[in-house]
């Protein structure tokens, strides 16, 4: 049996008629930039999330960068960010001229450790990028309290947490700005690069829209220097179709995880991911901690099962950050996790037979050791 890590063709097949109609509509209309499809998607996404303003942009990395610029993060500032994440969370800080300050993560939930973050705050600390990693929202009330007490701006990185909640509060609605990625493999994925940022602050929303459009809201208006980052009409039209299905797809992911948890519960050589109390985890990734991780990964591949490692190195130890001169003892949890974490296949179209095959293969691997 073959179990791909992700199968985007399978998802397209389930909504092909709707997607093809949406694409045809855009092609026949002949307007590919700044049309009604983008405006309609921004409105629908904001409404579903429970936010006031949504700005479609080119990708999730742009969304983070624009968010930071719109909050006036600048050279000399420090921004807290987790040691375990994709590099977008830290590189966008550096691109503003500010300094990323890496924070260790929680061993059970993989989110940023606020207790460690507290010890790293200095007079230069202006903000925190709070990453809802793998689809699980952080403890949102604690995050909000932490930032109020320390007078910090909050950028929520929701690239992997579309409509995840904690205590019924939706990730992306408690910070000053939230950034979303619609990379094709995300829970809500485009057919190419795409992203958005959301905010309830009108002043920030206007500044973000200006910065993403060469510094102006209208053609030939340049009130400041900006960049060119836009969600195009084709991607917006297709995302609008997918938005109607996202709740069902997220629920299917959760159902798949329940099977994984049941079948793998007795395997003592792995640790299943923790689930926060009162959390609605949308499982962009299902990440286990595994003994002999690299050997397990190779064994599964021979069985036709694709897996991934998110991420093989903690960010402070990427070559880009050698100048910060960190050691593993600075981030003991993140340094340990990167040697153990393994992402198993998880997507709505995965069959129960495929999940059971993955679990049987994992059981077989450890039974011989």
Protein backbone atom coordinates (compact mmCIF):
# COMPACT_ATOMS: atom_id res chain seq x y z
CA UNK A 1 0.00 0.00 0.00
CA UNK A 2 1.11 3.55 -0.75
CA UNK A 3 0.38 6.31 1.76
CA UNK A 4 1.53 9.71 0.48
CA UNK A 5 2.22 12.39 3.05
CA UNK A 6 -0.31 14.63 1.34
CA UNK A 7 -2.58 14.13 -1.68
CA UNK A 8 -3.75 17.39 -3.22
CA UNK A 9 -5.14 15.63 -6.29
CA UNK A 10 -7.56 13.74 -4.08
CA UNK A 11 -8.88 16.95 -2.56
CA UNK A 12 -9.30 18.59 -5.97
CA UNK A 13 -11.29 15.57 -7.16
CA UNK A 14 -13.88 16.10 -4.42
CA UNK A 15 -14.62 19.69 -5.48
CA UNK A 16 -13.49 19.71 -9.10
CA UNK A 17 -16.72 21.05 -10.56
CA UNK A 18 -16.83 23.97 -8.10
CA UNK A 19 -13.16 24.85 -8.63
CA UNK A 20 -13.39 24.64 -12.41
CA UNK A 21 -16.46 26.89 -12.40
CA UNK A 22 -14.69 29.45 -10.21
CA UNK A 23 -11.61 29.48 -12.47
CA UNK A 24 -13.74 29.78 -15.59
CA UNK A 25 -15.58 32.72 -14.05
CA UNK A 26 -12.32 34.59 -13.47
CA UNK A 27 -10.98 33.80 -16.92
CA UNK A 28 -14.13 34.96 -18.63
CA UNK A 29 -14.25 38.12 -16.54
CA UNK A 30 -10.70 39.02 -17.58
CA UNK A 31 -9.84 40.80 -14.32
CA UNK A 32 -6.98 39.11 -12.50
CA UNK A 33 -5.83 41.68 -9.94
CA UNK A 34 -7.94 43.59 -7.37
CA UNK A 35 -11.32 42.34 -8.44
CA UNK A 36 -14.49 41.27 -6.71
CA UNK A 37 -13.24 37.76 -5.91
CA UNK A 38 -10.49 39.11 -3.65
CA UNK A 39 -12.86 41.51 -1.91
CA UNK A 40 -15.47 38.78 -1.46
CA UNK A 41 -12.96 36.34 -0.02
CA UNK A 42 -11.53 38.92 2.37
CA UNK A 43 -15.03 39.68 3.64
CA UNK A 44 -16.00 36.01 3.98
CA UNK A 45 -12.78 34.97 5.70
CA UNK A 46 -12.96 37.83 8.20
CA UNK A 47 -16.59 37.04 8.97
CA UNK A 48 -15.93 33.35 9.51
CA UNK A 49 -12.94 34.09 11.70
CA UNK A 50 -14.77 36.77 13.67
CA UNK A 51 -12.41 39.60 12.70
CA UNK A 52 -13.17 43.03 11.29
CA UNK A 53 -10.48 43.50 8.64
CA UNK A 54 -8.83 41.00 6.27
CA UNK A 55 -6.15 41.79 3.70
CA UNK A 56 -5.24 39.21 1.08
CA UNK A 57 -1.51 39.10 0.26
CA UNK A 58 0.92 37.06 -1.77
CA UNK A 59 1.84 34.48 0.87
CA UNK A 60 2.06 33.83 4.60
CA UNK A 61 5.60 35.19 4.91
CA UNK A 62 4.50 38.50 3.39
CA UNK A 63 1.59 38.54 5.85
CA UNK A 64 4.00 38.33 8.79
CA UNK A 65 6.34 40.97 7.36
CA UNK A 66 3.50 43.37 6.59
CA UNK A 67 2.07 42.79 10.06
CA UNK A 68 5.37 43.71 11.70
CA UNK A 69 5.81 46.81 9.53
CA UNK A 70 2.24 47.89 10.20
CA UNK A 71 2.92 47.71 13.94
CA UNK A 72 6.01 49.89 13.45
CA UNK A 73 8.56 47.26 14.45
CA UNK A 74 11.93 48.76 13.52
CA UNK A 75 15.72 48.56 13.98
CA UNK A 76 16.69 48.35 17.64
CA UNK A 77 13.52 46.51 18.64
CA UNK A 78 13.45 42.92 19.87
CA UNK A 79 10.68 40.46 19.04
CA UNK A 80 10.13 37.18 20.88
CA UNK A 81 9.59 34.15 18.67
CA UNK A 82 9.62 30.36 19.26
CA UNK A 83 12.74 28.30 18.64
CA UNK A 84 10.65 25.61 16.93
CA UNK A 85 8.89 27.00 13.87
CA UNK A 86 9.32 27.67 10.17
CA UNK A 87 11.91 30.35 9.42
CA UNK A 88 9.28 32.87 8.26
CA UNK A 89 8.57 33.73 11.87
CA UNK A 90 12.12 34.86 12.51
CA UNK A 91 13.35 36.06 9.12
CA UNK A 92 10.53 38.59 8.85
CA UNK A 93 11.65 40.09 12.16
CA UNK A 94 15.17 40.50 10.83
CA UNK A 95 13.87 42.02 7.60
CA UNK A 96 12.37 44.89 9.60
CA UNK A 97 15.81 45.51 11.14
CA UNK A 98 14.67 44.22 14.53
CA UNK A 99 16.27 41.29 16.37
CA UNK A 100 14.57 37.91 16.79
CA UNK A 101 14.79 36.65 20.36
CA UNK A 102 14.26 32.90 20.40
CA UNK A 103 12.21 31.26 23.14
CA UNK A 104 12.06 27.59 24.09
CA UNK A 105 8.82 25.64 23.63
CA UNK A 106 6.51 23.39 25.63
CA UNK A 107 7.36 19.66 25.51
CA UNK A 108 3.76 18.47 25.28
CA UNK A 109 2.09 21.05 23.04
CA UNK A 110 5.11 22.46 21.11
CA UNK A 111 3.97 26.07 21.63
CA UNK A 112 6.08 28.96 22.88
CA UNK A 113 7.00 28.73 26.59
CA UNK A 114 5.74 31.97 28.14
CA UNK A 115 7.69 31.35 31.36
CA UNK A 116 10.92 31.27 29.37
CA UNK A 117 9.78 34.27 27.35
CA UNK A 118 9.30 36.25 30.55
CA UNK A 119 12.97 35.80 31.43
CA UNK A 120 14.07 37.14 28.05
CA UNK A 121 12.19 40.43 28.10
CA UNK A 122 14.32 43.60 28.03
CA UNK A 123 13.47 47.28 27.57
CA UNK A 124 13.92 46.68 23.83
CA UNK A 125 11.26 43.95 23.64
CA UNK A 126 8.35 45.31 21.63
CA UNK A 127 6.37 42.30 20.43
CA UNK A 128 5.89 38.56 20.30
CA UNK A 129 5.13 36.36 17.32
CA UNK A 130 2.92 33.66 18.82
CA UNK A 131 2.90 30.59 16.57
CA UNK A 132 -0.05 28.21 16.79
CA UNK A 133 2.12 25.31 15.69
CA UNK A 134 0.78 22.21 13.90
CA UNK A 135 -2.83 23.41 14.22
CA UNK A 136 -3.16 23.75 18.00
CA UNK A 137 -3.98 27.16 19.43
CA UNK A 138 -1.91 28.46 22.30
CA UNK A 139 -3.61 29.09 25.63
CA UNK A 140 -5.08 32.33 24.35
CA UNK A 141 -6.12 33.90 27.64
CA UNK A 142 -2.63 33.37 29.09
CA UNK A 143 -1.06 34.78 25.92
CA UNK A 144 -3.23 37.88 26.13
CA UNK A 145 -2.52 38.40 29.84
CA UNK A 146 1.22 37.94 29.27
CA UNK A 147 1.27 40.63 26.60
CA UNK A 148 -0.87 43.07 28.58
CA UNK A 149 1.35 42.74 31.66
CA UNK A 150 4.51 43.22 29.61
CA UNK A 151 3.07 45.84 27.24
CA UNK A 152 3.85 43.79 24.15
CA UNK A 153 2.28 43.81 20.71
CA UNK A 154 1.00 40.41 19.58
CA UNK A 155 1.37 38.98 16.09
CA UNK A 156 -0.40 35.62 15.83
CA UNK A 157 1.14 33.26 13.30
CA UNK A 158 -1.87 31.19 12.23
CA UNK A 159 -0.28 29.66 9.14
CA UNK A 160 -1.00 26.17 10.46
CA UNK A 161 -4.08 26.86 12.58
CA UNK A 162 -7.03 27.74 10.37
CA UNK A 163 -10.04 27.97 12.72
CA UNK A 164 -8.35 26.28 15.66
CA UNK A 165 -9.78 27.44 18.99
CA UNK A 166 -9.04 27.49 22.70
CA UNK A 167 -11.95 27.89 25.10
CA UNK A 168 -14.06 28.66 22.01
CA UNK A 169 -11.84 31.66 21.12
CA UNK A 170 -10.55 31.46 17.56
CA UNK A 171 -6.81 31.63 16.92
CA UNK A 172 -6.10 34.88 15.13
CA UNK A 173 -8.60 37.01 17.03
CA UNK A 174 -6.74 37.95 20.23
CA UNK A 175 -3.60 39.58 18.84
CA UNK A 176 -3.01 42.99 17.31
CA UNK A 177 -2.57 41.28 13.93
CA UNK A 178 -2.75 37.68 12.74
CA UNK A 179 -1.04 36.20 9.68
CA UNK A 180 -2.35 33.25 7.67
CA UNK A 181 -0.77 31.17 4.94
CA UNK A 182 -2.77 29.51 2.20
CA UNK A 183 0.14 27.44 0.88
CA UNK A 184 -1.39 24.49 -1.01
CA UNK A 185 -0.78 21.93 1.76
CA UNK A 186 -2.43 24.03 4.49
CA UNK A 187 -5.85 23.09 5.85
CA UNK A 188 -7.22 25.90 3.70
CA UNK A 189 -4.85 25.85 0.78
CA UNK A 190 -4.69 27.75 -2.49
CA UNK A 191 -3.45 26.42 -5.83
CA UNK A 192 -0.19 28.28 -5.39
CA UNK A 193 1.16 30.85 -2.95
CA UNK A 194 -1.35 33.01 -1.09
CA UNK A 195 -1.90 34.47 2.36
CA UNK A 196 -3.71 37.10 4.37
CA UNK A 197 -3.52 39.11 7.54
CA UNK A 198 -6.42 40.05 9.80
CA UNK A 199 -6.85 42.70 12.47
CA UNK A 200 -9.55 44.49 14.40
CA UNK A 201 -7.56 47.74 14.37
CA UNK A 202 -8.64 50.01 11.52
CA UNK A 203 -5.49 52.13 11.62
CA UNK A 204 -3.29 49.02 11.37
CA UNK A 205 -5.48 47.63 8.59
CA UNK A 206 -5.11 50.80 6.50
CA UNK A 207 -1.35 50.93 7.05
CA UNK A 208 -1.04 47.26 6.08
CA UNK A 209 -3.06 47.78 2.92
CA UNK A 210 -0.93 50.78 1.98
CA UNK A 211 2.36 49.02 2.68
CA UNK A 212 1.34 45.98 0.62
CA UNK A 213 0.40 48.21 -2.32
CA UNK A 214 3.49 50.37 -2.91
CA UNK A 215 2.53 52.75 -0.13
CA UNK A 216 -0.93 53.79 -1.27
CA UNK A 217 -4.57 52.79 -1.31
CA UNK A 218 -5.09 54.05 -4.85
CA UNK A 219 -3.20 53.92 -8.13
CA UNK A 220 -0.29 56.38 -8.29
CA UNK A 221 -0.59 57.16 -4.57
CA UNK A 222 2.66 56.57 -2.65
CA UNK A 223 2.45 57.99 0.85
CA UNK A 224 5.35 55.82 1.93
CA UNK A 225 7.62 53.16 0.46
CA UNK A 226 6.00 49.76 0.46
CA UNK A 227 6.07 46.44 -1.32
CA UNK A 228 3.89 44.66 -3.87
CA UNK A 229 2.08 41.75 -2.25
CA UNK A 230 -1.39 40.87 -3.48
CA UNK A 231 -3.78 37.97 -3.44
CA UNK A 232 -4.79 37.46 -7.05
CA UNK A 233 -8.30 36.85 -8.34
CA UNK A 234 -7.76 33.21 -9.33
CA UNK A 235 -6.48 32.23 -5.89
CA UNK A 236 -9.22 34.19 -4.15
CA UNK A 237 -11.94 32.55 -6.23
CA UNK A 238 -10.63 29.07 -5.47
CA UNK A 239 -10.13 29.86 -1.77
CA UNK A 240 -13.74 31.05 -1.60
CA UNK A 241 -14.84 27.63 -2.81
CA UNK A 242 -12.63 25.84 -0.31
CA UNK A 243 -13.76 28.06 2.56
CA UNK A 244 -17.19 26.46 2.29
CA UNK A 245 -15.64 23.03 2.98
CA UNK A 246 -13.05 23.86 5.65
CA UNK A 247 -15.16 22.88 8.67
CA UNK A 248 -15.85 19.44 7.19
CA UNK A 249 -12.19 18.96 6.27
CA UNK A 250 -11.00 19.97 9.73
CA UNK A 251 -13.45 17.55 11.30
CA UNK A 252 -12.19 14.74 9.06
CA UNK A 253 -8.64 15.44 10.23
CA UNK A 254 -9.80 15.19 13.84
CA UNK A 255 -11.54 11.88 13.13
CA UNK A 256 -8.37 10.51 11.53
CA UNK A 257 -6.34 11.53 14.58
CA UNK A 258 -8.75 9.66 16.85
CA UNK A 259 -7.92 6.47 14.93
CA UNK A 260 -4.19 7.18 15.16
CA UNK A 261 -4.46 7.76 18.91
CA UNK A 262 -6.43 4.57 19.48
CA UNK A 263 -4.15 2.37 17.40
CA UNK A 264 -0.87 3.84 18.68
CA UNK A 265 -1.80 4.22 22.35
CA UNK A 266 0.03 1.04 23.38
CA UNK A 267 3.29 1.80 21.54
CA UNK A 268 5.55 2.76 24.43
CA UNK A 269 8.38 3.99 22.20
CA UNK A 270 6.42 6.97 20.94
CA UNK A 271 4.74 9.93 22.61
CA UNK A 272 1.50 11.13 21.05
CA UNK A 273 1.00 14.90 20.80
CA UNK A 274 -0.65 16.56 23.77
CA UNK A 275 -4.09 18.12 23.45
CA UNK A 276 -4.73 21.22 25.52
CA UNK A 277 -7.84 21.17 27.68
CA UNK A 278 -10.70 23.04 25.99
CA UNK A 279 -8.84 23.08 22.67
CA UNK A 280 -10.14 22.46 19.17
CA UNK A 281 -6.98 21.22 17.45
CA UNK A 282 -7.29 21.27 13.66
CA UNK A 283 -4.22 19.07 13.04
CA UNK A 284 -2.41 20.68 10.17
CA UNK A 285 0.20 18.14 11.22
CA UNK A 286 -0.04 15.05 13.44
CA UNK A 287 3.37 15.00 15.09
CA UNK A 288 4.58 12.18 17.30
CA UNK A 289 7.77 11.98 19.34
CA UNK A 290 9.55 8.77 18.40
CA UNK A 291 12.55 6.85 19.67
CA UNK A 292 14.94 5.98 16.83
CA UNK A 293 13.09 8.55 14.72
CA UNK A 294 15.35 8.47 11.68
CA UNK A 295 15.32 4.68 11.53
CA UNK A 296 11.53 4.67 11.86
CA UNK A 297 11.20 7.20 9.06
CA UNK A 298 13.34 5.07 6.74
CA UNK A 299 11.43 1.91 7.69
CA UNK A 300 8.09 3.54 6.92
CA UNK A 301 9.31 4.81 3.56
CA UNK A 302 10.27 1.27 2.59
CA UNK A 303 6.69 0.31 3.42
CA UNK A 304 5.40 2.99 1.05
CA UNK A 305 4.54 5.47 3.83
CA UNK A 306 5.74 9.04 3.44
CA UNK A 307 6.49 11.10 6.55
CA UNK A 308 8.09 14.49 7.18
CA UNK A 309 10.03 16.24 9.94
CA UNK A 310 8.67 19.64 10.99
CA UNK A 311 11.37 20.76 11.74
CA UNK A 312 14.79 19.02 11.60
CA UNK A 313 16.64 21.90 13.29
CA UNK A 314 15.65 24.45 15.89
CA UNK A 315 15.75 27.92 14.34
CA UNK A 316 18.56 29.29 16.58
CA UNK A 317 20.89 26.67 15.08
CA UNK A 318 20.19 27.40 11.43
CA UNK A 319 23.25 28.92 9.70
CA UNK A 320 21.35 32.18 9.28
CA UNK A 321 21.49 32.74 13.05
CA UNK A 322 25.01 31.65 13.87
CA UNK A 323 25.75 35.27 14.83
CA UNK A 324 23.48 34.89 17.86
CA UNK A 325 25.89 32.28 19.27
CA UNK A 326 23.35 30.05 20.99
CA UNK A 327 23.98 26.60 22.47
CA UNK A 328 21.54 23.68 22.86
CA UNK A 329 21.36 24.36 26.60
CA UNK A 330 19.64 27.66 25.78
CA UNK A 331 16.68 25.73 24.33
CA UNK A 332 16.72 22.26 25.91
CA UNK A 333 13.18 21.30 24.90
CA UNK A 334 13.41 22.43 21.28
CA UNK A 335 16.86 20.83 20.99
CA UNK A 336 15.43 17.52 22.17
CA UNK A 337 12.25 17.68 20.11
CA UNK A 338 14.03 18.08 16.77
CA UNK A 339 15.66 14.68 17.28
CA UNK A 340 12.31 12.96 17.95
CA UNK A 341 9.45 14.63 16.10
CA UNK A 342 7.91 12.92 13.09
CA UNK A 343 4.86 14.08 11.13
CA UNK A 344 2.56 11.28 9.99
CA UNK A 345 0.21 11.54 6.99
CA UNK A 346 -2.88 13.57 7.88
CA UNK A 347 -5.32 15.00 5.35
CA UNK A 348 -9.09 14.75 4.90
CA UNK A 349 -9.02 12.23 2.05
CA UNK A 350 -6.88 9.73 3.99
CA UNK A 351 -8.73 6.41 4.36
CA UNK A 352 -9.13 4.41 7.55
CA UNK A 353 -7.36 1.53 5.81
CA UNK A 354 -4.35 3.75 5.13
CA UNK A 355 -4.23 5.01 8.73
CA UNK A 356 -4.40 1.47 10.09
CA UNK A 357 -1.61 0.46 7.71
CA UNK A 358 0.59 3.28 9.03
CA UNK A 359 -0.13 2.25 12.62
CA UNK A 360 0.58 -1.42 11.91
CA UNK A 361 3.90 -0.49 10.33
CA UNK A 362 4.89 1.59 13.38
CA UNK A 363 3.92 -1.25 15.70
CA UNK A 364 5.93 -3.67 13.57
CA UNK A 365 9.02 -1.46 13.66
CA UNK A 366 9.11 -1.26 17.44
CA UNK A 367 8.17 -4.91 18.02
CA UNK A 368 11.56 -5.96 16.67
CA UNK A 369 13.66 -3.59 18.77
